[in-house]
Amino acid sequence: MNHKQYEKWILDDSPLSAEESELLKNHLASCSVCQKLNEGWQKSLQGIHSADQHVPTAGFTARWQVKLQQEQRKRTIVRRRIIVFSSLFFLLLSLIAYILLSGSFASFLANLITLTTQIILFITKGLSELTMLINGVPSIVRWSLGIFMIGVANMFIILLTYIIWKARKNHREQQEAPAYAEE
């Protein structure tokens, strides 16, 4: 037997015509599966209607609106990033297309390789001169300067860690403050 139409009538909230109501009533009298479905559905509806209405806590709307604004800001940032990165991608794609279509790819590649080589030579020459300068300084001065620089680096790391910890703590306190004030 096909129960689909009867199940639809049982679970649907729209009113039935007199003929449909009569068909459903006759079917419920003879079908135990649909009787159980109807009884379960009626009990569920009674449970829903008899359940206590929960009133939101004070300030719920304001907190929800703040959260909504934060989500909208995040979406705006994501959209802007997508626009920027896609613009950069299309600019790069256009540059590559221009280089390939203008026929100057070989000269562009040659200039790129020359520039890269010059940069590497400049860095190498600078490192060589720095090494010669450091080797001219007495050993005790180099060790002292190295220990001093390690100390400065450690102090910088400790200070940076403290600043980040303090900023996170302040941020957490600011987020929790409105929730306590509204409750």
C-alpha atoms as a PDB file:
ATOM      1  CA  MET A   1       0.000   0.000   0.000  1.00  0.00           C
ATOM      2  CA  ASN A   2       1.246   3.488  -0.821  1.00  0.00           C
ATOM      3  CA  HIS A   3       1.438   5.568   2.348  1.00  0.00           C
ATOM      4  CA  LYS A   4       3.252   8.535   0.857  1.00  0.00           C
ATOM      5  CA  GLN A   5       0.191  10.725   0.266  1.00  0.00           C
ATOM      6  CA  TYR A   6      -1.237   9.945   3.711  1.00  0.00           C
ATOM      7  CA  GLU A   7       2.100  10.673   5.397  1.00  0.00           C
ATOM      8  CA  LYS A   8       2.199  13.996   3.571  1.00  0.00           C
ATOM      9  CA  TRP A   9      -1.305  14.876   4.786  1.00  0.00           C
ATOM     10  CA  ILE A  10      -0.408  13.906   8.380  1.00  0.00           C
ATOM     11  CA  LEU A  11       2.795  15.946   8.492  1.00  0.00           C
ATOM     12  CA  ASP A  12       1.633  18.928   6.433  1.00  0.00           C
ATOM     13  CA  ASP A  13       0.149  21.911   8.278  1.00  0.00           C
ATOM     14  CA  SER A  14      -1.977  23.092   5.380  1.00  0.00           C
ATOM     15  CA  PRO A  15      -5.718  22.431   5.747  1.00  0.00           C
ATOM     16  CA  LEU A  16      -7.211  19.433   3.965  1.00  0.00           C
ATOM     17  CA  SER A  17     -10.353  19.446   1.898  1.00  0.00           C
ATOM     18  CA  ALA A  18     -13.383  17.545   3.212  1.00  0.00           C
ATOM     19  CA  GLU A  19     -12.719  14.666   0.822  1.00  0.00           C
ATOM     20  CA  GLU A  20      -9.025  14.453   1.814  1.00  0.00           C
ATOM     21  CA  SER A  21      -9.934  14.538   5.503  1.00  0.00           C
ATOM     22  CA  GLU A  22     -12.391  11.687   5.023  1.00  0.00           C
ATOM     23  CA  LEU A  23      -9.822   9.626   3.080  1.00  0.00           C
ATOM     24  CA  LEU A  24      -7.213  10.217   5.776  1.00  0.00           C
ATOM     25  CA  LYS A  25      -9.653   9.327   8.552  1.00  0.00           C
ATOM     26  CA  ASN A  26     -10.605   6.056   6.840  1.00  0.00           C
ATOM     27  CA  HIS A  27      -6.949   5.204   6.203  1.00  0.00           C
ATOM     28  CA  LEU A  28      -5.952   5.915   9.818  1.00  0.00           C
ATOM     29  CA  ALA A  29      -8.682   3.555  10.991  1.00  0.00           C
ATOM     30  CA  SER A  30      -7.168   0.681   9.024  1.00  0.00           C
ATOM     31  CA  CYS A  31      -3.408   1.392   9.000  1.00  0.00           C
ATOM     32  CA  SER A  32      -1.380   0.987  12.211  1.00  0.00           C
ATOM     33  CA  VAL A  33       1.805   2.499  10.672  1.00  0.00           C
ATOM     34  CA  CYS A  34       0.073   5.749   9.807  1.00  0.00           C
ATOM     35  CA  GLN A  35      -1.749   5.726  13.194  1.00  0.00           C
ATOM     36  CA  LYS A  36       1.631   5.624  14.975  1.00  0.00           C
ATOM     37  CA  LEU A  37       2.968   8.399  12.743  1.00  0.00           C
ATOM     38  CA  ASN A  38      -0.098  10.555  13.423  1.00  0.00           C
ATOM     39  CA  GLU A  39       0.048   9.957  17.197  1.00  0.00           C
ATOM     40  CA  GLY A  40       3.770  10.725  17.284  1.00  0.00           C
ATOM     41  CA  TRP A  41       3.279  13.878  15.253  1.00  0.00           C
ATOM     42  CA  GLN A  42       0.429  15.091  17.478  1.00  0.00           C
ATOM     43  CA  LYS A  43       2.526  14.442  20.621  1.00  0.00           C
ATOM     44  CA  SER A  44       5.446  16.323  19.066  1.00  0.00           C
ATOM     45  CA  LEU A  45       3.209  19.300  18.275  1.00  0.00           C
ATOM     46  CA  GLN A  46       1.823  19.278  21.836  1.00  0.00           C
ATOM     47  CA  GLY A  47       5.363  19.166  23.232  1.00  0.00           C
ATOM     48  CA  ILE A  48       6.412  22.095  21.084  1.00  0.00           C
ATOM     49  CA  HIS A  49       3.377  24.181  22.034  1.00  0.00           C
ATOM     50  CA  SER A  50       3.590  23.328  25.750  1.00  0.00           C
ATOM     51  CA  ALA A  51       7.338  24.023  26.060  1.00  0.00           C
ATOM     52  CA  ASP A  52       8.382  27.046  28.097  1.00  0.00           C
ATOM     53  CA  GLN A  53       9.261  30.110  26.118  1.00  0.00           C
ATOM     54  CA  HIS A  54      12.811  31.179  26.928  1.00  0.00           C
ATOM     55  CA  VAL A  55      13.436  34.886  27.087  1.00  0.00           C
ATOM     56  CA  PRO A  56      16.913  35.912  25.911  1.00  0.00           C
ATOM     57  CA  THR A  57      19.242  37.406  28.494  1.00  0.00           C
ATOM     58  CA  ALA A  58      19.550  41.154  28.753  1.00  0.00           C
ATOM     59  CA  GLY A  59      21.722  42.658  26.047  1.00  0.00           C
ATOM     60  CA  PHE A  60      21.370  39.686  23.705  1.00  0.00           C
ATOM     61  CA  THR A  61      20.386  41.897  20.778  1.00  0.00           C
ATOM     62  CA  ALA A  62      23.297  44.276  21.324  1.00  0.00           C
ATOM     63  CA  ARG A  63      25.806  41.406  21.584  1.00  0.00           C
ATOM     64  CA  TRP A  64      24.349  39.770  18.497  1.00  0.00           C
ATOM     65  CA  GLN A  65      24.562  43.037  16.533  1.00  0.00           C
ATOM     66  CA  VAL A  66      28.201  43.537  17.582  1.00  0.00           C
ATOM     67  CA  LYS A  67      29.029  40.011  16.473  1.00  0.00           C
ATOM     68  CA  LEU A  68      27.182  40.573  13.198  1.00  0.00           C
ATOM     69  CA  GLN A  69      29.177  43.759  12.570  1.00  0.00           C
ATOM     70  CA  GLN A  70      32.427  41.893  13.265  1.00  0.00           C
ATOM     71  CA  GLU A  71      31.448  39.173  10.802  1.00  0.00           C
ATOM     72  CA  GLN A  72      30.564  41.808   8.196  1.00  0.00           C
ATOM     73  CA  ARG A  73      33.972  43.465   8.711  1.00  0.00           C
ATOM     74  CA  LYS A  74      35.688  40.104   8.241  1.00  0.00           C
ATOM     75  CA  ARG A  75      33.743  39.479   5.031  1.00  0.00           C
ATOM     76  CA  THR A  76      34.653  42.950   3.778  1.00  0.00           C
ATOM     77  CA  ILE A  77      38.337  42.304   4.464  1.00  0.00           C
ATOM     78  CA  VAL A  78      38.177  38.961   2.674  1.00  0.00           C
ATOM     79  CA  ARG A  79      36.446  40.568  -0.327  1.00  0.00           C
ATOM     80  CA  ARG A  80      39.080  43.301  -0.497  1.00  0.00           C
ATOM     81  CA  ARG A  81      41.894  40.754  -0.332  1.00  0.00           C
ATOM     82  CA  ILE A  82      40.292  38.737  -3.098  1.00  0.00           C
ATOM     83  CA  ILE A  83      39.992  41.864  -5.224  1.00  0.00           C
ATOM     84  CA  VAL A  84      43.611  42.881  -4.605  1.00  0.00           C
ATOM     85  CA  PHE A  85      45.062  39.429  -5.247  1.00  0.00           C
ATOM     86  CA  SER A  86      42.961  38.822  -8.324  1.00  0.00           C
ATOM     87  CA  SER A  87      43.959  42.268  -9.648  1.00  0.00           C
ATOM     88  CA  LEU A  88      47.625  41.439  -9.068  1.00  0.00           C
ATOM     89  CA  PHE A  89      47.155  38.080 -10.740  1.00  0.00           C
ATOM     90  CA  PHE A  90      45.553  39.633 -13.807  1.00  0.00           C
ATOM     91  CA  LEU A  91      48.242  42.336 -13.916  1.00  0.00           C
ATOM     92  CA  LEU A  92      50.941  39.656 -13.850  1.00  0.00           C
ATOM     93  CA  LEU A  93      49.066  37.647 -16.462  1.00  0.00           C
ATOM     94  CA  SER A  94      48.795  40.772 -18.653  1.00  0.00           C
ATOM     95  CA  LEU A  95      52.520  41.447 -18.264  1.00  0.00           C
ATOM     96  CA  ILE A  96      53.367  37.900 -19.285  1.00  0.00           C
ATOM     97  CA  ALA A  97      50.980  38.114 -22.249  1.00  0.00           C
ATOM     98  CA  TYR A  98      52.542  41.428 -23.340  1.00  0.00           C
ATOM     99  CA  ILE A  99      56.062  40.038 -23.093  1.00  0.00           C
ATOM    100  CA  LEU A 100      55.142  36.954 -25.091  1.00  0.00           C
ATOM    101  CA  LEU A 101      53.124  38.807 -27.730  1.00  0.00           C
ATOM    102  CA  SER A 102      55.551  41.713 -28.199  1.00  0.00           C
ATOM    103  CA  GLY A 103      58.346  39.341 -29.138  1.00  0.00           C
ATOM    104  CA  SER A 104      60.711  40.859 -26.596  1.00  0.00           C
ATOM    105  CA  PHE A 105      60.697  37.862 -24.300  1.00  0.00           C
ATOM    106  CA  ALA A 106      64.334  37.080 -25.063  1.00  0.00           C
ATOM    107  CA  SER A 107      65.478  40.631 -24.221  1.00  0.00           C
ATOM    108  CA  PHE A 108      63.324  40.651 -21.079  1.00  0.00           C
ATOM    109  CA  LEU A 109      64.811  37.341 -19.973  1.00  0.00           C
ATOM    110  CA  ALA A 110      68.342  38.552 -20.732  1.00  0.00           C
ATOM    111  CA  ASN A 111      67.775  41.752 -18.706  1.00  0.00           C
ATOM    112  CA  LEU A 112      66.323  39.740 -15.833  1.00  0.00           C
ATOM    113  CA  ILE A 113      69.303  37.383 -15.757  1.00  0.00           C
ATOM    114  CA  THR A 114      71.748  40.319 -15.949  1.00  0.00           C
ATOM    115  CA  LEU A 115      70.023  42.133 -13.103  1.00  0.00           C
ATOM    116  CA  THR A 116      69.936  38.992 -10.956  1.00  0.00           C
ATOM    117  CA  THR A 117      73.638  38.380 -11.599  1.00  0.00           C
ATOM    118  CA  GLN A 118      74.520  41.978 -10.691  1.00  0.00           C
ATOM    119  CA  ILE A 119      72.551  41.736  -7.439  1.00  0.00           C
ATOM    120  CA  ILE A 120      74.303  38.470  -6.519  1.00  0.00           C
ATOM    121  CA  LEU A 121      77.728  39.981  -7.297  1.00  0.00           C
ATOM    122  CA  PHE A 122      76.934  43.090  -5.227  1.00  0.00           C
ATOM    123  CA  ILE A 123      75.849  40.978  -2.238  1.00  0.00           C
ATOM    124  CA  THR A 124      78.906  38.734  -2.569  1.00  0.00           C
ATOM    125  CA  LYS A 125      81.272  41.717  -2.750  1.00  0.00           C
ATOM    126  CA  GLY A 126      79.600  43.309   0.285  1.00  0.00           C
ATOM    127  CA  LEU A 127      79.852  40.094   2.305  1.00  0.00           C
ATOM    128  CA  SER A 128      83.512  39.733   1.319  1.00  0.00           C
ATOM    129  CA  GLU A 129      84.320  43.262   2.466  1.00  0.00           C
ATOM    130  CA  LEU A 130      82.374  42.732   5.703  1.00  0.00           C
ATOM    131  CA  THR A 131      84.313  39.518   6.365  1.00  0.00           C
ATOM    132  CA  MET A 132      87.632  41.328   5.793  1.00  0.00           C
ATOM    133  CA  LEU A 133      86.528  44.119   8.144  1.00  0.00           C
ATOM    134  CA  ILE A 134      85.482  41.644  10.857  1.00  0.00           C
ATOM    135  CA  ASN A 135      88.728  39.663  10.501  1.00  0.00           C
ATOM    136  CA  GLY A 136      90.666  42.899  11.109  1.00  0.00           C
ATOM    137  CA  VAL A 137      89.042  43.347  14.535  1.00  0.00           C
ATOM    138  CA  PRO A 138      90.760  41.595  17.471  1.00  0.00           C
ATOM    139  CA  SER A 139      89.221  38.327  18.615  1.00  0.00           C
ATOM    140  CA  ILE A 140      88.246  39.554  22.099  1.00  0.00           C
ATOM    141  CA  VAL A 141      86.276  42.461  20.614  1.00  0.00           C
ATOM    142  CA  ARG A 142      84.412  40.134  18.245  1.00  0.00           C
ATOM    143  CA  TRP A 143      83.464  37.779  21.103  1.00  0.00           C
ATOM    144  CA  SER A 144      82.378  40.661  23.326  1.00  0.00           C
ATOM    145  CA  LEU A 145      80.334  42.211  20.548  1.00  0.00           C
ATOM    146  CA  GLY A 146      78.736  38.820  19.791  1.00  0.00           C
ATOM    147  CA  ILE A 147      77.753  38.262  23.429  1.00  0.00           C
ATOM    148  CA  PHE A 148      76.404  41.825  23.617  1.00  0.00           C
ATOM    149  CA  MET A 149      74.324  41.321  20.449  1.00  0.00           C
ATOM    150  CA  ILE A 150      72.924  38.013  21.777  1.00  0.00           C
ATOM    151  CA  GLY A 151      71.929  39.801  24.989  1.00  0.00           C
ATOM    152  CA  VAL A 152      70.246  42.600  23.039  1.00  0.00           C
ATOM    153  CA  ALA A 153      68.415  40.047  20.884  1.00  0.00           C
ATOM    154  CA  ASN A 154      67.227  38.171  23.991  1.00  0.00           C
ATOM    155  CA  MET A 155      66.015  41.394  25.601  1.00  0.00           C
ATOM    156  CA  PHE A 156      64.158  42.264  22.400  1.00  0.00           C
ATOM    157  CA  ILE A 157      62.497  38.820  22.308  1.00  0.00           C
ATOM    158  CA  ILE A 158      61.504  39.058  25.993  1.00  0.00           C
ATOM    159  CA  LEU A 159      60.100  42.570  25.487  1.00  0.00           C
ATOM    160  CA  LEU A 160      58.199  41.496  22.373  1.00  0.00           C
ATOM    161  CA  THR A 161      56.775  38.469  24.209  1.00  0.00           C
ATOM    162  CA  TYR A 162      55.635  40.676  27.097  1.00  0.00           C
ATOM    163  CA  ILE A 163      54.004  43.190  24.740  1.00  0.00           C
ATOM    164  CA  ILE A 164      52.117  40.441  22.899  1.00  0.00           C
ATOM    165  CA  TRP A 165      51.027  38.810  26.173  1.00  0.00           C
ATOM    166  CA  LYS A 166      49.815  42.153  27.549  1.00  0.00           C
ATOM    167  CA  ALA A 167      47.965  43.006  24.324  1.00  0.00           C
ATOM    168  CA  ARG A 168      46.168  39.635  24.312  1.00  0.00           C
ATOM    169  CA  LYS A 169      45.266  40.019  27.982  1.00  0.00           C
ATOM    170  CA  ASN A 170      43.833  43.508  27.359  1.00  0.00           C
ATOM    171  CA  HIS A 171      41.942  42.231  24.315  1.00  0.00           C
ATOM    172  CA  ARG A 172      40.386  39.388  26.341  1.00  0.00           C
ATOM    173  CA  GLU A 173      39.403  41.795  29.123  1.00  0.00           C
ATOM    174  CA  GLN A 174      37.755  44.137  26.621  1.00  0.00           C
ATOM    175  CA  GLN A 175      35.780  41.277  25.091  1.00  0.00           C
ATOM    176  CA  GLU A 176      34.601  40.021  28.495  1.00  0.00           C
ATOM    177  CA  ALA A 177      33.749  43.449  29.932  1.00  0.00           C
ATOM    178  CA  PRO A 178      30.527  44.095  27.928  1.00  0.00           C
ATOM    179  CA  ALA A 179      29.223  40.596  28.747  1.00  0.00           C
ATOM    180  CA  TYR A 180      29.523  41.232  32.514  1.00  0.00           C
ATOM    181  CA  ALA A 181      27.997  44.700  32.252  1.00  0.00           C
ATOM    182  CA  GLU A 182      24.934  43.443  30.378  1.00  0.00           C
ATOM    183  CA  GLU A 183      24.201  40.483  32.612  1.00  0.00           C
END
